[in-house]
N, C-alpha and C. Protein backbone atom coordinates (compact mmCIF):
# COMPACT_ATOMS: atom_id res chain seq x y z
N MET A 1 -22.51 57.85 -10.14
CA MET A 1 -21.85 57.39 -8.40
C MET A 1 -20.39 57.62 -8.31
N LYS A 2 -20.01 58.02 -7.25
CA LYS A 2 -18.63 58.19 -6.89
C LYS A 2 -18.41 57.44 -5.77
N LEU A 3 -17.48 56.08 -5.81
CA LEU A 3 -16.84 55.35 -4.67
C LEU A 3 -15.93 55.89 -3.71
N GLU A 4 -16.06 56.11 -2.65
CA GLU A 4 -15.15 56.81 -1.47
C GLU A 4 -14.21 55.45 -1.03
N THR A 5 -12.93 55.83 -1.21
CA THR A 5 -11.86 55.11 -0.96
C THR A 5 -11.15 55.85 0.25
N ARG A 6 -11.19 54.83 1.35
CA ARG A 6 -10.37 55.05 2.55
C ARG A 6 -8.80 54.76 2.62
N ASP A 7 -7.89 55.52 3.21
CA ASP A 7 -6.58 54.86 3.01
C ASP A 7 -6.73 53.74 4.50
N ALA A 8 -5.73 53.19 4.24
CA ALA A 8 -5.61 51.92 5.04
C ALA A 8 -5.68 52.38 6.65
N LYS A 9 -4.97 53.31 7.03
CA LYS A 9 -4.71 54.03 7.97
C LYS A 9 -6.20 54.46 9.01
N ASP A 10 -7.24 55.07 8.12
CA ASP A 10 -8.56 55.42 8.01
C ASP A 10 -9.21 54.23 8.81
N HIS A 11 -9.03 52.87 8.45
CA HIS A 11 -10.40 51.85 8.49
C HIS A 11 -9.50 50.93 9.39
N ASP A 12 -10.32 50.35 10.55
CA ASP A 12 -9.78 48.96 11.23
C ASP A 12 -9.69 47.69 10.57
N VAL A 13 -8.31 47.07 10.21
CA VAL A 13 -8.78 45.67 9.60
C VAL A 13 -8.82 44.51 10.56
N THR A 14 -9.08 44.73 11.90
CA THR A 14 -8.89 43.69 12.90
C THR A 14 -10.44 43.33 12.74
N CYS A 15 -10.57 42.20 13.16
CA CYS A 15 -12.09 41.52 13.42
C CYS A 15 -11.92 41.22 14.55
N PRO A 16 -13.16 41.72 15.56
CA PRO A 16 -13.17 41.08 17.33
C PRO A 16 -13.45 39.57 17.03
N ASP A 17 -14.22 39.41 15.73
CA ASP A 17 -14.91 37.69 16.27
C ASP A 17 -13.90 36.88 15.59
N VAL A 18 -12.89 37.36 14.45
CA VAL A 18 -12.17 36.31 13.76
C VAL A 18 -11.25 36.65 15.16
N GLU A 19 -10.47 37.25 15.94
CA GLU A 19 -9.53 37.30 16.94
C GLU A 19 -10.00 36.06 17.51
N ASP A 20 -11.12 36.14 18.38
CA ASP A 20 -12.07 35.81 19.44
C ASP A 20 -12.08 33.91 18.33
N HIS A 21 -12.64 33.80 17.87
CA HIS A 21 -12.41 32.65 17.05
C HIS A 21 -11.09 31.98 16.93
N THR A 22 -9.91 32.62 16.62
CA THR A 22 -8.82 32.25 16.27
C THR A 22 -7.86 31.89 18.10
N ALA A 23 -8.39 32.79 18.58
CA ALA A 23 -8.13 32.77 20.00
C ALA A 23 -8.39 31.43 20.90
N SER A 24 -9.66 31.32 20.77
CA SER A 24 -10.33 30.46 21.63
C SER A 24 -10.32 28.87 20.88
N PHE A 25 -10.37 29.03 19.53
CA PHE A 25 -9.65 27.47 19.06
C PHE A 25 -7.87 27.27 19.43
N GLY A 26 -7.16 28.28 19.52
CA GLY A 26 -5.98 28.26 19.79
C GLY A 26 -5.67 27.66 21.61
N LEU A 27 -6.64 28.20 22.30
CA LEU A 27 -6.85 27.48 23.72
C LEU A 27 -7.00 26.01 23.57
N PHE A 28 -8.13 26.07 22.93
CA PHE A 28 -8.62 24.63 22.67
C PHE A 28 -7.66 23.45 22.13
N TYR A 29 -6.78 23.90 21.20
CA TYR A 29 -5.79 23.20 20.69
C TYR A 29 -4.80 22.87 21.88
N ARG A 30 -4.23 23.98 22.30
CA ARG A 30 -3.05 23.72 23.60
C ARG A 30 -3.50 22.85 24.51
N SER A 31 -5.16 22.76 24.94
CA SER A 31 -5.63 21.91 25.87
C SER A 31 -5.43 20.76 25.64
N GLU A 32 -5.93 20.51 24.39
CA GLU A 32 -6.55 19.22 24.05
C GLU A 32 -5.03 17.96 23.17
N ARG A 33 -4.20 18.66 22.49
CA ARG A 33 -3.41 18.17 21.91
C ARG A 33 -2.32 16.83 22.44
N ASP A 34 -1.91 17.52 23.49
CA ASP A 34 -1.22 16.04 23.99
C ASP A 34 -1.89 15.24 24.30
N GLY A 35 -3.37 15.18 24.90
CA GLY A 35 -4.04 14.31 25.16
C GLY A 35 -4.50 13.20 24.08
N LEU A 36 -5.03 13.83 23.23
CA LEU A 36 -5.62 13.23 21.85
C LEU A 36 -4.36 12.15 20.94
N PHE A 37 -3.32 12.96 21.09
CA PHE A 37 -2.07 12.66 20.48
C PHE A 37 -1.50 11.23 21.32
N ALA A 38 -1.81 11.32 22.59
CA ALA A 38 -1.12 9.91 23.38
C ALA A 38 -2.53 9.23 23.18
N SER A 39 -3.41 9.33 22.97
CA SER A 39 -4.97 8.63 23.04
C SER A 39 -4.47 7.67 21.17
N LEU A 40 -4.19 8.55 20.53
CA LEU A 40 -4.17 7.99 19.17
C LEU A 40 -2.72 6.89 19.00
N CYS A 41 -2.05 7.42 20.11
CA CYS A 41 -0.69 6.75 19.97
C CYS A 41 -0.93 5.09 20.42
N LEU A 42 -1.93 5.12 21.40
CA LEU A 42 -2.30 3.83 22.14
C LEU A 42 -2.81 3.14 21.24
N ILE A 43 -4.06 3.59 20.50
CA ILE A 43 -4.69 3.17 19.47
C ILE A 43 -4.01 2.57 18.30
N THR A 44 -3.02 3.69 17.46
CA THR A 44 -2.65 3.40 16.32
C THR A 44 -1.35 2.34 16.43
N ARG A 45 -0.55 2.64 17.75
CA ARG A 45 0.45 1.82 17.65
C ARG A 45 1.72 2.66 16.56
N ASP A 46 1.20 3.81 16.33
CA ASP A 46 2.80 4.52 15.22
C ASP A 46 2.01 5.87 15.53
N PRO A 47 3.28 6.76 16.16
CA PRO A 47 3.37 7.90 16.46
C PRO A 47 3.01 8.97 15.17
N HIS A 48 3.58 8.19 14.25
CA HIS A 48 3.35 9.13 12.56
C HIS A 48 2.20 9.44 12.55
N GLU A 49 1.41 8.22 12.43
CA GLU A 49 0.14 7.95 12.15
C GLU A 49 -0.68 8.62 13.10
N ALA A 50 -0.89 8.53 14.50
CA ALA A 50 -1.09 9.17 15.33
C ALA A 50 -1.33 10.99 14.91
N GLU A 51 -0.12 11.35 14.54
CA GLU A 51 0.16 12.79 14.50
C GLU A 51 -0.81 13.05 13.65
N GLU A 52 -0.92 12.42 12.40
CA GLU A 52 -1.60 12.75 11.00
C GLU A 52 -3.14 12.92 11.22
N LEU A 53 -3.63 11.79 11.91
CA LEU A 53 -5.13 11.78 12.86
C LEU A 53 -5.45 12.80 13.21
N MET A 54 -4.21 13.12 14.33
CA MET A 54 -4.75 14.11 15.23
C MET A 54 -4.99 15.56 14.48
N HIS A 55 -3.66 15.90 13.62
CA HIS A 55 -4.05 16.93 12.86
C HIS A 55 -5.18 17.06 11.92
N ASP A 56 -5.72 16.12 11.30
CA ASP A 56 -6.84 15.94 10.48
C ASP A 56 -7.89 16.32 11.46
N ALA A 57 -7.88 15.59 12.50
CA ALA A 57 -9.07 15.91 13.44
C ALA A 57 -9.26 17.54 14.03
N PHE A 58 -8.22 17.97 14.29
CA PHE A 58 -8.35 19.67 14.28
C PHE A 58 -8.76 20.58 13.44
N LEU A 59 -8.11 19.94 12.22
CA LEU A 59 -8.29 20.65 10.95
C LEU A 59 -10.13 20.58 10.84
N LYS A 60 -10.63 19.66 10.65
CA LYS A 60 -12.13 18.92 10.82
C LYS A 60 -12.48 20.23 11.91
N VAL A 61 -12.56 20.31 13.04
CA VAL A 61 -13.24 20.98 13.94
C VAL A 61 -12.77 22.36 13.86
N TRP A 62 -11.82 22.86 13.44
CA TRP A 62 -11.63 23.98 13.24
C TRP A 62 -12.37 24.86 12.10
N GLU A 63 -12.73 23.55 11.32
CA GLU A 63 -13.83 24.37 10.19
C GLU A 63 -15.13 24.05 10.72
N ARG A 64 -15.00 23.74 11.55
CA ARG A 64 -16.50 23.47 12.15
C ARG A 64 -16.77 24.55 13.68
N TRP A 65 -15.47 25.02 14.17
CA TRP A 65 -15.29 25.90 15.19
C TRP A 65 -16.42 26.21 15.61
N GLY A 66 -17.10 27.19 14.80
CA GLY A 66 -18.38 28.05 15.35
C GLY A 66 -19.37 27.49 15.92
N ARG A 67 -19.65 26.48 15.39
CA ARG A 67 -20.59 25.42 16.35
C ARG A 67 -20.04 24.65 17.34
N VAL A 68 -18.90 23.86 17.10
CA VAL A 68 -17.97 23.21 18.01
C VAL A 68 -17.84 23.89 19.09
N ARG A 69 -17.67 24.93 19.61
CA ARG A 69 -17.11 25.69 20.56
C ARG A 69 -18.52 25.83 21.22
N ASP A 70 -19.30 25.91 21.14
CA ASP A 70 -20.61 26.15 21.71
C ASP A 70 -21.27 24.77 22.09
N MET A 71 -20.63 23.61 22.05
CA MET A 71 -21.11 22.26 22.34
C MET A 71 -20.69 22.17 23.98
N ASP A 72 -21.33 21.51 24.62
CA ASP A 72 -21.46 20.68 25.76
C ASP A 72 -19.98 20.33 25.93
N ARG A 73 -19.40 19.47 25.23
CA ARG A 73 -17.89 19.08 25.16
C ARG A 73 -17.47 18.98 23.93
N PRO A 74 -16.67 19.90 23.85
CA PRO A 74 -15.76 20.41 22.26
C PRO A 74 -15.03 19.06 22.09
N ALA A 75 -14.32 18.80 23.20
CA ALA A 75 -13.28 17.64 23.18
C ALA A 75 -13.90 16.48 23.34
N GLY A 76 -14.74 15.85 23.24
CA GLY A 76 -15.61 14.99 22.91
C GLY A 76 -16.33 14.64 21.22
N TYR A 77 -16.22 15.91 20.72
CA TYR A 77 -16.36 15.94 19.23
C TYR A 77 -15.17 15.95 18.70
N LEU A 78 -14.16 16.76 19.23
CA LEU A 78 -12.62 16.45 18.46
C LEU A 78 -12.32 14.67 18.45
N TYR A 79 -12.32 13.93 19.66
CA TYR A 79 -11.95 12.60 19.88
C TYR A 79 -13.00 11.88 19.05
N ARG A 80 -14.30 12.15 18.88
CA ARG A 80 -14.96 11.36 17.68
C ARG A 80 -14.62 11.42 16.50
N THR A 81 -14.35 12.40 16.21
CA THR A 81 -13.93 13.22 14.97
C THR A 81 -12.36 12.16 14.52
N ALA A 82 -11.38 12.35 15.47
CA ALA A 82 -10.18 11.65 15.18
C ALA A 82 -10.35 9.93 15.07
N ILE A 83 -11.16 9.41 15.83
CA ILE A 83 -11.61 7.83 15.73
C ILE A 83 -12.56 7.46 14.67
N ASN A 84 -13.24 8.45 14.22
CA ASN A 84 -13.74 7.99 13.09
C ASN A 84 -12.71 7.93 11.77
N ALA A 85 -11.58 8.62 11.94
CA ALA A 85 -10.81 9.16 10.73
C ALA A 85 -10.04 7.65 10.82
N PHE A 86 -9.83 7.48 12.10
CA PHE A 86 -8.95 6.39 12.47
C PHE A 86 -10.00 4.87 11.56
N ARG A 87 -10.95 5.00 12.34
CA ARG A 87 -11.82 3.50 11.54
C ARG A 87 -11.82 3.84 10.44
N THR A 88 -12.17 4.76 9.40
CA THR A 88 -12.34 5.30 8.05
C THR A 88 -11.09 4.43 7.30
N ARG A 89 -9.79 5.13 8.06
CA ARG A 89 -8.38 4.84 7.32
C ARG A 89 -8.06 2.95 7.61
N TYR A 90 -8.14 2.83 8.99
CA TYR A 90 -8.54 1.21 9.29
C TYR A 90 -9.21 0.31 7.89
N ARG A 91 -10.53 0.81 8.00
CA ARG A 91 -11.52 0.10 6.95
C ARG A 91 -10.87 0.04 5.85
N ARG A 92 -10.53 1.02 5.32
CA ARG A 92 -10.11 1.37 3.98
C ARG A 92 -8.70 0.39 3.90
N THR A 93 -7.89 0.24 4.70
CA THR A 93 -6.81 -0.70 4.89
C THR A 93 -7.02 -2.19 4.85
N MET A 94 -7.83 -2.78 5.68
CA MET A 94 -8.25 -3.65 5.43
C MET A 94 -9.05 -3.98 4.18
N ILE A 95 -10.12 -3.61 3.69
CA ILE A 95 -10.26 -3.86 2.23
C ILE A 95 -9.54 -3.83 1.33
N ALA A 96 -8.17 -2.98 1.21
CA ALA A 96 -7.60 -3.06 0.22
C ALA A 96 -6.57 -4.30 0.53
N LYS A 97 -6.04 -4.53 1.93
CA LYS A 97 -5.63 -5.90 2.29
C LYS A 97 -6.20 -7.08 1.37
N ARG A 98 -7.77 -7.01 1.84
CA ARG A 98 -8.42 -8.38 1.01
C ARG A 98 -8.76 -8.44 -0.14
N VAL A 99 -8.40 -7.45 -0.83
CA VAL A 99 -8.30 -7.34 -2.29
C VAL A 99 -6.89 -7.66 -2.61
N LEU A 100 -5.82 -7.35 -2.52
CA LEU A 100 -4.35 -7.59 -2.55
C LEU A 100 -4.52 -9.32 -2.52
N GLU A 101 -4.46 -9.80 -1.53
CA GLU A 101 -4.71 -11.16 -0.89
C GLU A 101 -5.35 -11.83 -1.77
N ARG A 102 -6.66 -11.50 -2.18
CA ARG A 102 -7.68 -12.17 -3.40
C ARG A 102 -7.18 -12.25 -4.63
N THR A 103 -6.01 -11.01 -5.30
CA THR A 103 -5.37 -11.16 -6.39
C THR A 103 -4.20 -11.80 -6.38
N SER A 104 -3.42 -11.83 -5.34
CA SER A 104 -2.18 -12.49 -5.53
C SER A 104 -2.39 -14.13 -4.52
N GLU A 105 -3.99 -14.58 -4.29
CA GLU A 105 -4.07 -15.95 -4.06
C GLU A 105 -3.92 -16.54 -5.19
N ARG A 106 -3.18 -17.81 -5.31
CA ARG A 106 -3.14 -18.74 -6.58
C ARG A 106 -3.54 -20.27 -5.62
N ASP A 107 -4.06 -21.08 -6.61
CA ASP A 107 -4.55 -21.97 -6.15
C ASP A 107 -3.84 -23.00 -6.20
N LEU A 108 -3.26 -23.39 -5.11
CA LEU A 108 -1.98 -24.68 -4.66
C LEU A 108 -2.42 -25.57 -5.29
N LEU A 109 -3.78 -26.36 -5.58
CA LEU A 109 -3.66 -27.28 -6.33
C LEU A 109 -3.33 -26.99 -7.88
N ASP A 110 -3.82 -26.04 -7.99
CA ASP A 110 -3.17 -25.83 -9.76
C ASP A 110 -1.49 -25.88 -9.79
N ASP A 111 -1.29 -25.37 -8.82
CA ASP A 111 0.29 -25.50 -8.95
C ASP A 111 0.60 -26.52 -8.81
N VAL A 112 0.43 -27.71 -7.94
CA VAL A 112 0.47 -28.60 -7.75
C VAL A 112 0.29 -29.69 -9.15
N GLU A 113 -0.78 -29.59 -9.80
CA GLU A 113 -1.35 -30.47 -10.82
C GLU A 113 -0.26 -30.03 -11.87
N GLY A 114 0.20 -28.35 -12.12
CA GLY A 114 1.17 -28.26 -13.17
C GLY A 114 2.36 -28.87 -13.14
N ARG A 115 2.96 -28.85 -12.02
CA ARG A 115 4.28 -29.78 -11.59
C ARG A 115 4.10 -30.93 -11.87
N ASP A 116 3.22 -31.57 -11.64
CA ASP A 116 2.87 -32.91 -11.49
C ASP A 116 2.94 -33.49 -13.50
N ARG A 117 1.96 -32.11 -14.42
CA ARG A 117 2.40 -32.63 -15.46
C ARG A 117 3.90 -32.13 -15.98
N LEU A 118 4.15 -31.23 -15.88
CA LEU A 118 5.72 -30.95 -16.16
C LEU A 118 6.72 -32.33 -15.76
N ASP A 119 6.36 -32.60 -14.53
CA ASP A 119 7.10 -33.74 -14.24
C ASP A 119 6.92 -35.18 -15.35
N ARG A 120 5.56 -35.47 -15.50
CA ARG A 120 5.25 -36.18 -16.43
C ARG A 120 6.05 -36.08 -17.86
N ALA A 121 5.94 -34.80 -18.20
CA ALA A 121 6.31 -34.72 -19.70
C ALA A 121 7.65 -34.72 -19.54
N LEU A 122 8.61 -34.27 -18.67
CA LEU A 122 9.81 -34.42 -18.69
C LEU A 122 10.55 -35.90 -18.85
N ALA A 123 9.43 -36.78 -17.80
CA ALA A 123 9.67 -38.58 -17.78
C ALA A 123 9.73 -38.90 -18.94
N ALA A 124 8.99 -38.39 -19.96
CA ALA A 124 8.30 -38.80 -21.15
C ALA A 124 9.65 -38.74 -22.35
N LEU A 125 10.63 -37.38 -22.08
CA LEU A 125 11.77 -37.37 -22.93
C LEU A 125 12.91 -38.48 -22.58
N THR A 126 13.84 -38.61 -23.61
CA THR A 126 15.25 -39.39 -23.49
C THR A 126 15.66 -38.54 -22.31
N VAL A 127 16.83 -39.21 -21.64
CA VAL A 127 17.55 -38.84 -20.44
C VAL A 127 18.61 -37.59 -20.79
N ARG A 128 19.10 -37.83 -21.82
CA ARG A 128 19.63 -36.85 -22.59
C ARG A 128 19.05 -35.38 -23.38
N GLN A 129 17.88 -35.76 -23.47
CA GLN A 129 16.98 -34.19 -23.98
C GLN A 129 16.40 -33.86 -22.43
N ARG A 130 16.06 -34.73 -21.61
CA ARG A 130 15.65 -34.08 -20.56
C ARG A 130 17.27 -33.36 -19.56
N ALA A 131 18.27 -33.78 -19.96
CA ALA A 131 18.84 -33.24 -19.29
C ALA A 131 19.54 -32.08 -19.96
N ALA A 132 19.60 -32.08 -21.13
CA ALA A 132 20.06 -30.85 -22.09
C ALA A 132 18.59 -29.67 -21.80
N VAL A 133 17.43 -29.86 -21.44
CA VAL A 133 16.16 -29.00 -21.30
C VAL A 133 16.26 -28.50 -20.07
N ILE A 134 16.54 -29.08 -19.04
CA ILE A 134 17.05 -28.75 -17.61
C ILE A 134 17.86 -27.75 -17.25
N LEU A 135 18.96 -28.44 -18.28
CA LEU A 135 19.94 -27.43 -17.97
C LEU A 135 20.02 -26.21 -18.37
N THR A 136 19.60 -25.99 -19.80
CA THR A 136 19.50 -25.07 -20.49
C THR A 136 18.49 -24.00 -20.09
N GLU A 137 17.20 -24.67 -20.06
CA GLU A 137 16.09 -23.74 -19.61
C GLU A 137 15.72 -23.50 -18.53
N LEU A 138 15.92 -24.60 -17.37
CA LEU A 138 15.47 -24.12 -15.96
C LEU A 138 16.72 -23.72 -15.70
N LEU A 139 17.87 -24.00 -15.75
CA LEU A 139 19.04 -23.77 -15.09
C LEU A 139 19.86 -22.26 -15.49
N ASP A 140 19.77 -22.30 -17.10
CA ASP A 140 20.16 -21.13 -17.59
C ASP A 140 21.39 -21.49 -17.85
N TYR A 141 21.83 -22.59 -18.17
CA TYR A 141 23.51 -22.62 -18.53
C TYR A 141 23.33 -22.08 -20.19
N THR A 142 24.51 -22.35 -20.50
CA THR A 142 24.60 -21.94 -21.64
C THR A 142 25.08 -23.14 -22.33
N SER A 143 24.86 -23.58 -23.90
CA SER A 143 25.24 -24.53 -24.46
C SER A 143 26.17 -25.29 -24.54
N GLU A 144 27.53 -24.20 -24.26
CA GLU A 144 28.73 -24.71 -23.98
C GLU A 144 29.06 -25.24 -22.71
N GLU A 145 28.25 -24.30 -21.36
CA GLU A 145 28.13 -25.03 -20.13
C GLU A 145 28.07 -26.32 -19.99
N ALA A 146 26.69 -26.33 -20.44
CA ALA A 146 25.78 -27.70 -20.70
C ALA A 146 26.63 -28.89 -21.18
N GLY A 147 27.23 -28.31 -22.38
CA GLY A 147 28.03 -29.35 -23.12
C GLY A 147 29.33 -30.24 -22.13
N ARG A 148 29.82 -29.26 -21.71
CA ARG A 148 30.87 -29.53 -20.60
C ARG A 148 30.42 -30.42 -19.71
N LEU A 149 29.38 -30.23 -19.14
CA LEU A 149 28.40 -31.01 -17.80
C LEU A 149 28.25 -32.51 -18.31
N LEU A 150 27.29 -32.45 -19.71
CA LEU A 150 27.11 -33.88 -20.36
C LEU A 150 28.30 -34.05 -21.09
N GLY A 151 29.38 -33.76 -21.44
CA GLY A 151 30.31 -34.06 -21.71
C GLY A 151 30.08 -34.60 -23.61
N VAL A 152 29.56 -33.54 -24.05
CA VAL A 152 29.08 -33.48 -25.49
C VAL A 152 29.36 -32.08 -26.04
N ARG A 153 29.27 -32.06 -27.29
CA ARG A 153 29.65 -30.72 -28.21
C ARG A 153 28.33 -29.78 -27.61
N PRO A 154 28.55 -28.46 -27.52
CA PRO A 154 27.27 -27.43 -27.58
C PRO A 154 26.12 -27.65 -28.83
N GLY A 155 26.48 -27.58 -29.65
CA GLY A 155 25.70 -27.89 -31.10
C GLY A 155 24.79 -29.16 -30.63
N THR A 156 25.17 -30.29 -29.68
CA THR A 156 24.75 -31.64 -29.53
C THR A 156 23.51 -31.23 -28.30
N VAL A 157 23.89 -30.28 -27.51
CA VAL A 157 23.29 -29.57 -26.01
C VAL A 157 22.37 -28.93 -27.04
N ARG A 158 22.36 -28.14 -27.66
CA ARG A 158 21.27 -27.37 -28.23
C ARG A 158 20.32 -28.22 -29.24
N GLY A 159 20.67 -29.17 -30.13
CA GLY A 159 19.89 -29.94 -30.81
C GLY A 159 18.89 -31.01 -29.66
N LEU A 160 19.70 -31.77 -28.92
CA LEU A 160 18.92 -32.30 -27.78
C LEU A 160 17.63 -31.17 -27.20
N ALA A 161 18.03 -30.33 -26.84
CA ALA A 161 17.24 -29.38 -26.16
C ALA A 161 16.20 -28.66 -27.02
N HIS A 162 15.98 -28.63 -28.25
CA HIS A 162 15.20 -28.24 -29.30
C HIS A 162 14.49 -29.51 -29.39
N HIS A 163 14.72 -30.55 -29.75
CA HIS A 163 13.97 -31.60 -29.93
C HIS A 163 13.27 -31.80 -28.33
N GLY A 164 13.61 -32.03 -27.42
CA GLY A 164 13.16 -31.93 -26.03
C GLY A 164 12.01 -30.95 -25.89
N ARG A 165 12.33 -29.91 -26.15
CA ARG A 165 11.22 -28.61 -26.42
C ARG A 165 10.12 -29.03 -27.26
N VAL A 166 10.39 -29.45 -28.51
CA VAL A 166 9.09 -29.83 -28.96
C VAL A 166 8.34 -30.83 -28.54
N ALA A 167 8.90 -32.00 -27.94
CA ALA A 167 8.27 -32.92 -27.16
C ALA A 167 7.18 -32.63 -26.03
N LEU A 168 8.09 -31.51 -25.41
CA LEU A 168 7.38 -30.97 -23.93
C LEU A 168 6.26 -30.18 -24.55
N ARG A 169 5.79 -29.77 -25.89
CA ARG A 169 5.08 -28.68 -26.71
C ARG A 169 3.86 -29.55 -26.73
N LYS A 170 3.96 -30.83 -27.44
CA LYS A 170 2.99 -31.55 -27.59
C LYS A 170 2.53 -32.65 -26.28
N THR A 171 3.35 -32.69 -25.62
CA THR A 171 2.61 -33.30 -24.24
C THR A 171 2.30 -32.52 -23.45
N MET A 172 2.44 -31.44 -23.32
CA MET A 172 1.82 -30.31 -22.43
C MET A 172 0.70 -29.75 -23.10
């Protein structure tokens, strides 16, 4: 069996249905684009998000244009598609926000109790140990800097801080 081939010149590459489909959608797009964009700007309060939602809605309508163009109100379908996309996006954003808030929430009572335990543990240290621990551990002074502030040698600060940390570990 031999297949016949034809030159590109011999056959018509345009399809009237595709051209009509594209042309009718183009008219629909041009007639509805500005109104949909303005509506979405009012809803979202963000022109970038509105534009993205508008394009997504038009794309979904384009994919179904064969059915949508025969509807009584194709613009109604377009607006419903855009609003549904906005609702879905909004709902997902709210869920993500709640999840982030739940994971980032700390128990304030635990924080207060922790600070109270630390205060009590620090109060149990000697004045010099407490000063050495606070200067070197909490305020990030070097032992030389802490020594100058306390009027003692850096080695003394290291020793005081060491003994203070050991006592804190036992208490905490």
